Amino acid sequence: MTTATANLENDHIHILRLVDVMERITHLAEVNVAHLENIVDLIRNFADGLHHAKEEQMLFPKMVEKGFSFEQGPVCAMMHDHKEGRAFVAGMANAIAQYKSGNQGALMDIFKNMKGYIELLRAHISKENNVLFRMADRAFSEEEQLFLLSQFKNAETDSAHGGVVNNSIAQINSLAMFYNVP
């Protein structure tokens, strides 16, 4: 991985695999609640907690330095998607809690939020990989890319996120194997 954007695209591979697992689950009549809770944790800790932190705290501010805006345009759109994704995850977590307390009807709310998240994330990742990251690649010098990449690597190993990447990937792989997701 030689660029910061390549690092983020690598995260996307694993996030999309988790999204594929979620899609499989939405077609089931019975669900494994522990798997649902694990998915919410993976989203909160890996997709949002680490990956979106790399974007929101490092990449996007650097893009703003290069003339992009937090108020409009592609960076603004990505921030909006992140916020919308968090709402779907909160909806999933709330519905899972209701389902665990005996409300069988909450399963439909779990699936509704999962489907919303799936649709959002697939479109969001496509926009980032094909548009936003290509803009960043054109805007940043090689030195700036390497600096961002080093910041990302530091974030991946700092005390708040240490072990999150490898642990999350292992959990995603385990879920993918369980649900026969390639």
Protein backbone atom coordinates (compact mmCIF):
# COMPACT_ATOMS: atom_id res chain seq x y z
CA MET A 1 0.00 0.00 0.00
CA THR A 2 1.72 3.16 -1.16
CA THR A 3 -1.00 5.77 -0.70
CA ALA A 4 -3.39 6.90 1.99
CA THR A 5 -6.33 6.35 -0.34
CA ALA A 6 -5.19 2.78 -1.03
CA ASN A 7 -5.22 2.18 2.74
CA LEU A 8 -8.82 3.38 2.91
CA GLU A 9 -9.80 1.30 -0.12
CA ASN A 10 -8.34 -1.75 1.61
CA ASP A 11 -10.60 -1.05 4.61
CA HIS A 12 -13.51 -0.88 2.17
CA ILE A 13 -12.86 -4.44 1.00
CA HIS A 14 -13.48 -5.73 4.53
CA ILE A 15 -16.38 -3.37 5.21
CA LEU A 16 -18.12 -4.52 2.01
CA ARG A 17 -17.61 -8.13 3.04
CA LEU A 18 -19.36 -7.34 6.32
CA VAL A 19 -22.15 -5.67 4.34
CA ASP A 20 -22.49 -8.88 2.28
CA VAL A 21 -22.83 -10.85 5.54
CA MET A 22 -25.53 -8.43 6.65
CA GLU A 23 -27.40 -8.92 3.40
CA ARG A 24 -27.36 -12.71 3.87
CA ILE A 25 -28.74 -12.31 7.38
CA THR A 26 -31.67 -10.17 6.15
CA HIS A 27 -32.92 -13.18 4.18
CA LEU A 28 -33.06 -15.49 7.22
CA ALA A 29 -36.19 -16.39 9.18
CA GLU A 30 -34.17 -16.83 12.39
CA VAL A 31 -31.17 -14.81 13.47
CA ASN A 32 -28.22 -15.28 15.77
CA VAL A 33 -28.45 -12.31 18.14
CA ALA A 34 -24.78 -12.61 19.11
CA HIS A 35 -23.87 -12.23 15.42
CA LEU A 36 -26.09 -9.15 15.13
CA GLU A 37 -24.44 -7.59 18.18
CA ASN A 38 -21.02 -8.47 16.78
CA ILE A 39 -21.90 -6.75 13.50
CA VAL A 40 -22.94 -3.58 15.34
CA ASP A 41 -19.68 -3.67 17.32
CA LEU A 42 -17.64 -4.19 14.14
CA ILE A 43 -19.33 -1.24 12.47
CA ARG A 44 -18.87 0.99 15.51
CA ASN A 45 -15.26 0.01 16.19
CA PHE A 46 -13.83 -0.67 12.72
CA ALA A 47 -15.98 0.95 10.03
CA ASP A 48 -16.95 4.02 12.04
CA GLY A 49 -14.52 4.12 14.96
CA LEU A 50 -11.34 3.66 12.95
CA HIS A 51 -12.05 3.93 9.22
CA HIS A 52 -14.32 6.98 9.42
CA ALA A 53 -11.97 8.53 11.96
CA LYS A 54 -9.14 8.28 9.41
CA GLU A 55 -11.37 10.02 6.89
CA GLU A 56 -13.01 12.64 9.11
CA GLN A 57 -10.02 13.57 11.27
CA MET A 58 -7.18 13.18 8.75
CA LEU A 59 -8.18 12.88 5.07
CA PHE A 60 -11.06 15.35 4.91
CA PRO A 61 -9.25 18.19 6.77
CA LYS A 62 -6.28 17.70 4.43
CA MET A 63 -8.66 17.92 1.46
CA VAL A 64 -10.13 21.14 2.90
CA GLU A 65 -6.58 22.54 3.05
CA LYS A 66 -6.43 21.81 -0.69
CA GLY A 67 -9.60 23.81 -1.40
CA PHE A 68 -12.41 21.33 -0.79
CA SER A 69 -15.25 22.33 1.54
CA PHE A 70 -16.92 20.82 4.58
CA GLU A 71 -20.07 22.83 3.70
CA GLN A 72 -20.68 21.58 0.15
CA GLY A 73 -19.34 19.21 -2.45
CA PRO A 74 -17.95 15.70 -2.10
CA VAL A 75 -16.47 15.99 1.41
CA CYS A 76 -19.76 17.38 2.72
CA ALA A 77 -21.66 14.55 1.00
CA MET A 78 -19.41 11.90 2.57
CA MET A 79 -19.83 13.45 6.03
CA HIS A 80 -23.60 13.36 5.53
CA ASP A 81 -23.42 9.67 4.56
CA HIS A 82 -21.37 8.91 7.69
CA LYS A 83 -24.03 10.60 9.84
CA GLU A 84 -26.83 8.69 8.08
CA GLY A 85 -24.92 5.43 8.56
CA ARG A 86 -24.62 6.10 12.29
CA ALA A 87 -28.40 6.56 12.47
CA PHE A 88 -28.95 3.16 10.81
CA VAL A 89 -26.51 1.52 13.24
CA ALA A 90 -28.25 3.16 16.22
CA GLY A 91 -31.55 1.85 14.82
CA MET A 92 -30.07 -1.64 14.53
CA ALA A 93 -28.75 -1.56 18.10
CA ASN A 94 -32.06 -0.32 19.48
CA ALA A 95 -34.05 -2.94 17.57
CA ILE A 96 -31.65 -5.70 18.67
CA ALA A 97 -32.20 -4.69 22.31
CA GLN A 98 -35.98 -4.83 21.77
CA TYR A 99 -35.70 -8.20 20.05
CA LYS A 100 -33.62 -9.58 22.93
CA SER A 101 -36.27 -8.46 25.41
CA GLY A 102 -38.88 -10.57 23.60
CA ASN A 103 -40.30 -8.21 20.97
CA GLN A 104 -40.33 -10.50 17.92
CA GLY A 105 -41.62 -7.65 15.75
CA ALA A 106 -38.32 -5.83 16.28
CA LEU A 107 -36.70 -8.24 13.82
CA MET A 108 -38.35 -6.28 11.01
CA ASP A 109 -36.79 -3.07 12.39
CA ILE A 110 -33.39 -4.77 12.57
CA PHE A 111 -33.71 -5.82 8.94
CA LYS A 112 -35.04 -2.41 7.84
CA ASN A 113 -32.04 -0.65 9.38
CA MET A 114 -29.62 -3.26 8.04
CA LYS A 115 -31.02 -2.89 4.51
CA GLY A 116 -30.78 0.89 4.74
CA TYR A 117 -27.18 0.62 5.91
CA ILE A 118 -26.34 -1.90 3.18
CA GLU A 119 -27.74 0.33 0.42
CA LEU A 120 -26.07 3.44 1.85
CA LEU A 121 -22.66 1.82 2.32
CA ARG A 122 -22.48 0.27 -1.13
CA ALA A 123 -23.26 3.61 -2.77
CA HIS A 124 -21.03 5.52 -0.34
CA ILE A 125 -18.01 3.29 -0.88
CA SER A 126 -18.46 3.47 -4.64
CA LYS A 127 -18.48 7.29 -4.47
CA GLU A 128 -15.38 7.34 -2.29
CA ASN A 129 -13.39 4.78 -4.29
CA ASN A 130 -14.31 6.15 -7.71
CA VAL A 131 -14.68 9.89 -7.13
CA LEU A 132 -13.50 11.30 -3.80
CA PHE A 133 -10.29 9.29 -3.48
CA ARG A 134 -9.37 10.00 -7.10
CA MET A 135 -9.80 13.72 -6.36
CA ALA A 136 -7.57 13.33 -3.31
CA ASP A 137 -4.97 11.46 -5.37
CA ARG A 138 -4.84 14.37 -7.83
CA ALA A 139 -4.74 16.99 -5.06
CA PHE A 140 -2.02 15.46 -2.85
CA SER A 141 1.66 15.25 -3.56
CA GLU A 142 3.49 11.99 -2.93
CA GLU A 143 4.84 13.44 0.32
CA GLU A 144 1.35 14.40 1.49
CA GLN A 145 0.06 10.91 0.66
CA LEU A 146 2.91 9.34 2.64
CA PHE A 147 2.30 11.70 5.56
CA LEU A 148 -1.41 10.79 5.62
CA LEU A 149 -0.56 7.11 5.30
CA SER A 150 1.76 7.38 8.31
CA GLN A 151 -1.04 9.11 10.26
CA PHE A 152 -3.39 6.26 9.32
CA LYS A 153 -0.85 3.66 10.43
CA ASN A 154 -0.39 5.50 13.73
CA ALA A 155 -4.17 5.57 14.23
CA GLU A 156 -4.37 1.84 13.52
CA THR A 157 -1.84 1.08 16.26
CA ASP A 158 -2.57 3.78 18.87
CA SER A 159 -3.94 2.86 22.28
CA ALA A 160 -7.53 3.62 21.28
CA HIS A 161 -7.47 1.44 18.15
CA GLY A 162 -4.59 -0.97 18.74
CA GLY A 163 -5.49 -4.37 17.36
CA VAL A 164 -8.82 -3.19 15.94
CA VAL A 165 -7.83 -3.81 12.32
CA ASN A 166 -6.57 -7.38 12.61
CA ASN A 167 -9.20 -8.36 15.18
CA SER A 168 -12.00 -6.86 13.08
CA ILE A 169 -10.81 -8.53 9.89
CA ALA A 170 -10.63 -11.88 11.70
CA GLN A 171 -14.19 -11.44 13.01
CA ILE A 172 -15.48 -10.40 9.57
CA ASN A 173 -13.79 -13.44 8.02
CA SER A 174 -15.37 -15.69 10.65
CA LEU A 175 -18.85 -14.28 10.01
CA ALA A 176 -18.32 -14.52 6.24
CA MET A 177 -17.35 -18.17 6.58
CA PHE A 178 -20.37 -18.88 8.79
CA TYR A 179 -22.77 -17.28 6.27
CA ASN A 180 -20.97 -18.62 3.16
CA VAL A 181 -19.96 -15.18 1.91
CA PRO A 182 -16.95 -15.38 -0.43
